[in-house]
């Protein structure tokens, strides 16, 4: 399993599309949003530069695991690679966990690069807040890594990219990635894992602590997505 995780990470980091859309694109979007807000001081209760640093870091992290994992798994199913792995001693659960773990590891560059850009533009957090925020966003990315695995088994190779992008953009649009959500939209967004993911940064506000409701919600989504990925893997095994 360790070898498979290492192989998956190496393949991802060598992918130029990963470097462009997962690392560079969110950083460029960060520039756009902080300048688009002009003289505004706050967004979603946070300083504008901090809010969009978090939202662009989560945008890159979610994109990394959703598009990367889903498309790769779907392609491996079509090529017969997944079937070959089933003939080895590697258990199915190890294969699935390896995909989730490898996907989550590759979110770190997306998060850290946007953090570096944010810090260069004046985002001021204590050392503990920087470390806590990085850890929270990295751990939260496991939720979307599991969803990416589920998408990879659910969708056909010729449609997986479309399915993933629709789901990805819809969750980002209504999850506070592009703009803070409030009122009725916020009450609906509480059922959106991307909204909960962005809420992990709330403890950086003065007088606020970690949003335990968001943590519990993400934990629930993780259980659901892992269960879905396992069920879809078993279905794929029966069809093979």
Protein backbone atom coordinates (compact mmCIF):
# COMPACT_ATOMS: atom_id res chain seq x y z
CA UNK A 1 0.00 0.00 0.00
CA UNK A 2 2.86 2.39 0.83
CA UNK A 3 4.37 1.81 -2.61
CA UNK A 4 1.06 2.55 -4.28
CA UNK A 5 0.65 5.79 -2.29
CA UNK A 6 4.17 6.89 -3.25
CA UNK A 7 3.49 6.07 -6.91
CA UNK A 8 0.23 8.05 -6.90
CA UNK A 9 1.88 11.09 -5.34
CA UNK A 10 4.77 11.02 -7.81
CA UNK A 11 2.42 10.74 -10.78
CA UNK A 12 0.37 13.69 -9.58
CA UNK A 13 3.29 15.99 -8.86
CA UNK A 14 4.72 15.33 -12.33
CA UNK A 15 1.46 16.32 -14.00
CA UNK A 16 1.70 19.79 -15.55
CA UNK A 17 -2.07 20.25 -15.40
CA UNK A 18 -1.89 19.70 -11.65
CA UNK A 19 0.78 22.38 -11.29
CA UNK A 20 -1.18 24.85 -13.42
CA UNK A 21 -4.78 24.43 -12.27
CA UNK A 22 -4.23 23.29 -8.68
CA UNK A 23 -1.34 25.51 -7.60
CA UNK A 24 -0.91 28.46 -9.96
CA UNK A 25 -4.55 29.11 -10.86
CA UNK A 26 -5.82 29.54 -7.25
CA UNK A 27 -2.88 31.86 -6.52
CA UNK A 28 -3.75 33.99 -9.55
CA UNK A 29 -7.43 34.02 -8.55
CA UNK A 30 -6.37 35.26 -5.12
CA UNK A 31 -4.83 38.34 -6.76
CA UNK A 32 -8.06 38.92 -8.68
CA UNK A 33 -10.38 38.74 -5.68
CA UNK A 34 -8.40 40.89 -3.28
CA UNK A 35 -8.19 43.62 -5.90
CA UNK A 36 -11.83 43.21 -6.97
CA UNK A 37 -12.94 43.94 -3.40
CA UNK A 38 -11.03 47.21 -3.49
CA UNK A 39 -11.22 49.10 -0.22
CA UNK A 40 -13.57 46.66 1.55
CA UNK A 41 -12.20 45.60 4.93
CA UNK A 42 -14.16 42.45 5.69
CA UNK A 43 -15.63 39.48 3.83
CA UNK A 44 -17.58 36.86 5.74
CA UNK A 45 -16.39 38.28 9.05
CA UNK A 46 -12.71 37.95 8.11
CA UNK A 47 -10.30 40.47 6.58
CA UNK A 48 -10.71 40.30 2.80
CA UNK A 49 -7.17 39.06 2.21
CA UNK A 50 -7.56 36.33 4.82
CA UNK A 51 -11.00 35.26 3.58
CA UNK A 52 -9.87 34.78 -0.01
CA UNK A 53 -6.58 33.23 1.02
CA UNK A 54 -8.62 30.49 2.71
CA UNK A 55 -11.22 30.17 -0.04
CA UNK A 56 -8.60 29.93 -2.79
CA UNK A 57 -6.58 27.41 -0.78
CA UNK A 58 -9.68 25.24 -0.36
CA UNK A 59 -10.56 25.79 -4.03
CA UNK A 60 -7.18 24.43 -5.09
CA UNK A 61 -7.27 21.58 -2.59
CA UNK A 62 -10.75 20.42 -3.61
CA UNK A 63 -9.87 20.71 -7.28
CA UNK A 64 -6.72 18.68 -6.77
CA UNK A 65 -8.42 15.67 -5.23
CA UNK A 66 -11.69 15.75 -7.15
CA UNK A 67 -10.41 16.14 -10.68
CA UNK A 68 -7.17 14.22 -10.17
CA UNK A 69 -8.52 11.19 -8.33
CA UNK A 70 -11.77 10.80 -10.25
CA UNK A 71 -10.25 11.04 -13.73
CA UNK A 72 -7.32 8.79 -12.90
CA UNK A 73 -9.48 6.07 -11.35
CA UNK A 74 -11.94 6.18 -14.22
CA UNK A 75 -9.09 5.88 -16.75
CA UNK A 76 -7.54 3.01 -14.79
CA UNK A 77 -10.85 1.16 -14.84
CA UNK A 78 -11.11 1.58 -18.60
CA UNK A 79 -7.52 0.49 -19.26
CA UNK A 80 -7.83 -2.60 -17.06
CA UNK A 81 -5.21 -1.46 -14.53
CA UNK A 82 -7.67 -1.65 -11.64
CA UNK A 83 -8.57 -5.21 -12.63
CA UNK A 84 -4.88 -6.14 -12.70
CA UNK A 85 -4.44 -4.80 -9.18
CA UNK A 86 -7.34 -6.94 -7.98
CA UNK A 87 -5.39 -10.02 -9.12
CA UNK A 88 -2.53 -9.11 -6.77
CA UNK A 89 -2.39 -9.52 -3.00
CA UNK A 90 -3.43 -5.88 -2.53
CA UNK A 91 -6.80 -5.80 -0.71
CA UNK A 92 -9.53 -3.63 -2.20
CA UNK A 93 -9.75 -1.47 0.91
CA UNK A 94 -5.99 -0.81 0.72
CA UNK A 95 -6.34 0.36 -2.89
CA UNK A 96 -9.18 2.72 -1.97
CA UNK A 97 -7.38 4.06 1.12
CA UNK A 98 -4.21 4.55 -0.93
CA UNK A 99 -6.12 6.68 -3.41
CA UNK A 100 -7.64 8.79 -0.63
CA UNK A 101 -4.32 9.22 1.19
CA UNK A 102 -2.37 10.06 -1.96
CA UNK A 103 -5.00 12.56 -3.03
CA UNK A 104 -4.95 14.30 0.33
CA UNK A 105 -1.16 14.56 0.38
CA UNK A 106 -1.16 16.36 -2.97
CA UNK A 107 -3.39 19.10 -1.53
CA UNK A 108 -0.57 20.42 0.65
CA UNK A 109 1.23 22.35 -2.14
CA UNK A 110 -2.07 23.96 -3.19
CA UNK A 111 -2.70 25.13 0.37
CA UNK A 112 0.83 26.26 1.19
CA UNK A 113 1.41 28.21 -2.03
CA UNK A 114 -1.75 30.27 -1.54
CA UNK A 115 -0.77 30.79 2.11
CA UNK A 116 2.63 32.09 0.98
CA UNK A 117 0.98 34.51 -1.44
CA UNK A 118 -1.42 35.64 1.29
CA UNK A 119 1.42 36.24 3.73
CA UNK A 120 3.28 38.22 1.09
CA UNK A 121 0.20 40.43 0.70
CA UNK A 122 -0.13 41.23 4.36
CA UNK A 123 -2.20 38.45 5.89
CA UNK A 124 -1.20 38.53 9.55
CA UNK A 125 -1.78 35.48 11.74
CA UNK A 126 0.06 34.13 14.75
CA UNK A 127 2.36 31.15 14.28
CA UNK A 128 -0.21 28.95 16.00
CA UNK A 129 -2.98 30.18 13.72
CA UNK A 130 -0.91 29.55 10.59
CA UNK A 131 -0.08 26.02 11.73
CA UNK A 132 -3.62 25.31 12.91
CA UNK A 133 -5.17 26.61 9.71
CA UNK A 134 -2.82 24.57 7.51
CA UNK A 135 -3.56 21.43 9.55
CA UNK A 136 -7.33 22.04 9.49
CA UNK A 137 -7.46 22.56 5.73
CA UNK A 138 -5.22 19.58 5.04
CA UNK A 139 -7.25 17.24 7.24
CA UNK A 140 -10.46 18.59 5.73
CA UNK A 141 -9.21 17.70 2.25
CA UNK A 142 -9.58 13.99 3.08
CA UNK A 143 -13.34 14.48 2.76
CA UNK A 144 -13.00 15.53 -0.88
CA UNK A 145 -10.35 12.91 -1.58
CA UNK A 146 -12.94 10.27 -0.64
CA UNK A 147 -15.53 12.00 -2.85
CA UNK A 148 -13.05 11.97 -5.74
CA UNK A 149 -12.61 8.20 -5.36
CA UNK A 150 -16.39 7.75 -5.34
CA UNK A 151 -16.75 9.82 -8.51
CA UNK A 152 -14.02 7.77 -10.16
CA UNK A 153 -16.00 4.57 -9.66
CA UNK A 154 -19.40 6.12 -10.35
CA UNK A 155 -18.80 7.84 -13.68
CA UNK A 156 -17.72 6.51 -17.05
CA UNK A 157 -14.37 7.74 -18.45
CA UNK A 158 -16.04 9.83 -21.15
CA UNK A 159 -18.30 11.66 -18.68
CA UNK A 160 -16.32 11.79 -15.43
CA UNK A 161 -14.71 15.16 -16.15
CA UNK A 162 -18.08 16.78 -16.85
CA UNK A 163 -19.68 15.26 -13.75
CA UNK A 164 -16.81 16.32 -11.51
CA UNK A 165 -16.63 19.87 -12.85
CA UNK A 166 -20.37 20.44 -12.44
CA UNK A 167 -20.28 19.17 -8.86
CA UNK A 168 -17.06 21.06 -8.11
CA UNK A 169 -18.28 24.42 -9.43
CA UNK A 170 -21.71 24.09 -7.83
CA UNK A 171 -20.19 23.37 -4.41
CA UNK A 172 -17.74 26.27 -4.83
CA UNK A 173 -20.44 28.69 -6.01
CA UNK A 174 -22.73 28.03 -3.07
CA UNK A 175 -19.99 27.28 -0.56
CA UNK A 176 -18.51 30.73 -0.08
CA UNK A 177 -15.54 30.26 -2.41
CA UNK A 178 -16.28 33.17 -4.74
CA UNK A 179 -18.19 35.39 -2.31
CA UNK A 180 -19.42 35.22 1.31
CA UNK A 181 -22.84 33.60 1.65
CA UNK A 182 -25.44 34.94 4.05
CA UNK A 183 -29.13 34.81 4.89
CA UNK A 184 -31.20 32.07 3.26
CA UNK A 185 -28.31 31.01 1.05
CA UNK A 186 -26.14 30.44 4.11
CA UNK A 187 -28.79 28.26 5.75
CA UNK A 188 -28.78 26.07 2.64
CA UNK A 189 -24.98 26.18 2.34
CA UNK A 190 -24.65 24.45 5.72
CA UNK A 191 -25.40 21.22 3.85
CA UNK A 192 -22.54 21.90 1.41
CA UNK A 193 -19.18 20.32 2.36
CA UNK A 194 -17.23 23.15 0.70
CA UNK A 195 -19.01 25.72 2.89
CA UNK A 196 -18.13 23.67 5.99
CA UNK A 197 -14.56 23.36 4.70
CA UNK A 198 -14.24 27.13 4.40
CA UNK A 199 -15.72 27.53 7.89
CA UNK A 200 -12.66 25.81 9.37
CA UNK A 201 -10.93 29.20 9.20
CA UNK A 202 -13.41 30.87 11.57
CA UNK A 203 -11.09 30.42 14.57
CA UNK A 204 -8.75 33.05 13.12
CA UNK A 205 -11.38 35.72 13.91
CA UNK A 206 -10.82 37.50 17.22
CA UNK A 207 -12.96 35.95 19.94
CA UNK A 208 -13.83 32.87 17.89
CA UNK A 209 -12.83 29.24 18.31
CA UNK A 210 -12.81 26.31 15.90
CA UNK A 211 -16.27 25.78 14.40
CA UNK A 212 -17.10 22.37 15.88
CA UNK A 213 -20.35 22.19 13.91
CA UNK A 214 -18.33 22.44 10.69
CA UNK A 215 -15.92 19.77 11.94
CA UNK A 216 -18.82 17.44 12.80
CA UNK A 217 -20.47 18.08 9.44
CA UNK A 218 -17.26 17.32 7.54
CA UNK A 219 -16.77 14.15 9.58
CA UNK A 220 -20.26 13.08 8.59
CA UNK A 221 -19.57 13.76 4.92
CA UNK A 222 -16.31 11.80 5.20
CA UNK A 223 -18.16 8.74 6.49
CA UNK A 224 -20.75 9.02 3.70
CA UNK A 225 -18.17 9.50 0.92
CA UNK A 226 -15.93 6.66 2.15
CA UNK A 227 -18.95 4.36 2.37
CA UNK A 228 -20.01 5.39 -1.14
CA UNK A 229 -16.51 4.81 -2.51
CA UNK A 230 -16.38 1.35 -0.89
CA UNK A 231 -19.83 0.41 -2.23
CA UNK A 232 -18.97 1.60 -5.75
CA UNK A 233 -15.66 -0.27 -5.62
CA UNK A 234 -17.48 -3.48 -4.71
CA UNK A 235 -19.98 -2.89 -7.54
CA UNK A 236 -17.11 -2.38 -9.96
CA UNK A 237 -15.52 -5.61 -8.71
CA UNK A 238 -18.69 -7.60 -9.40
CA UNK A 239 -18.87 -6.23 -12.92
CA UNK A 240 -15.25 -7.04 -13.71
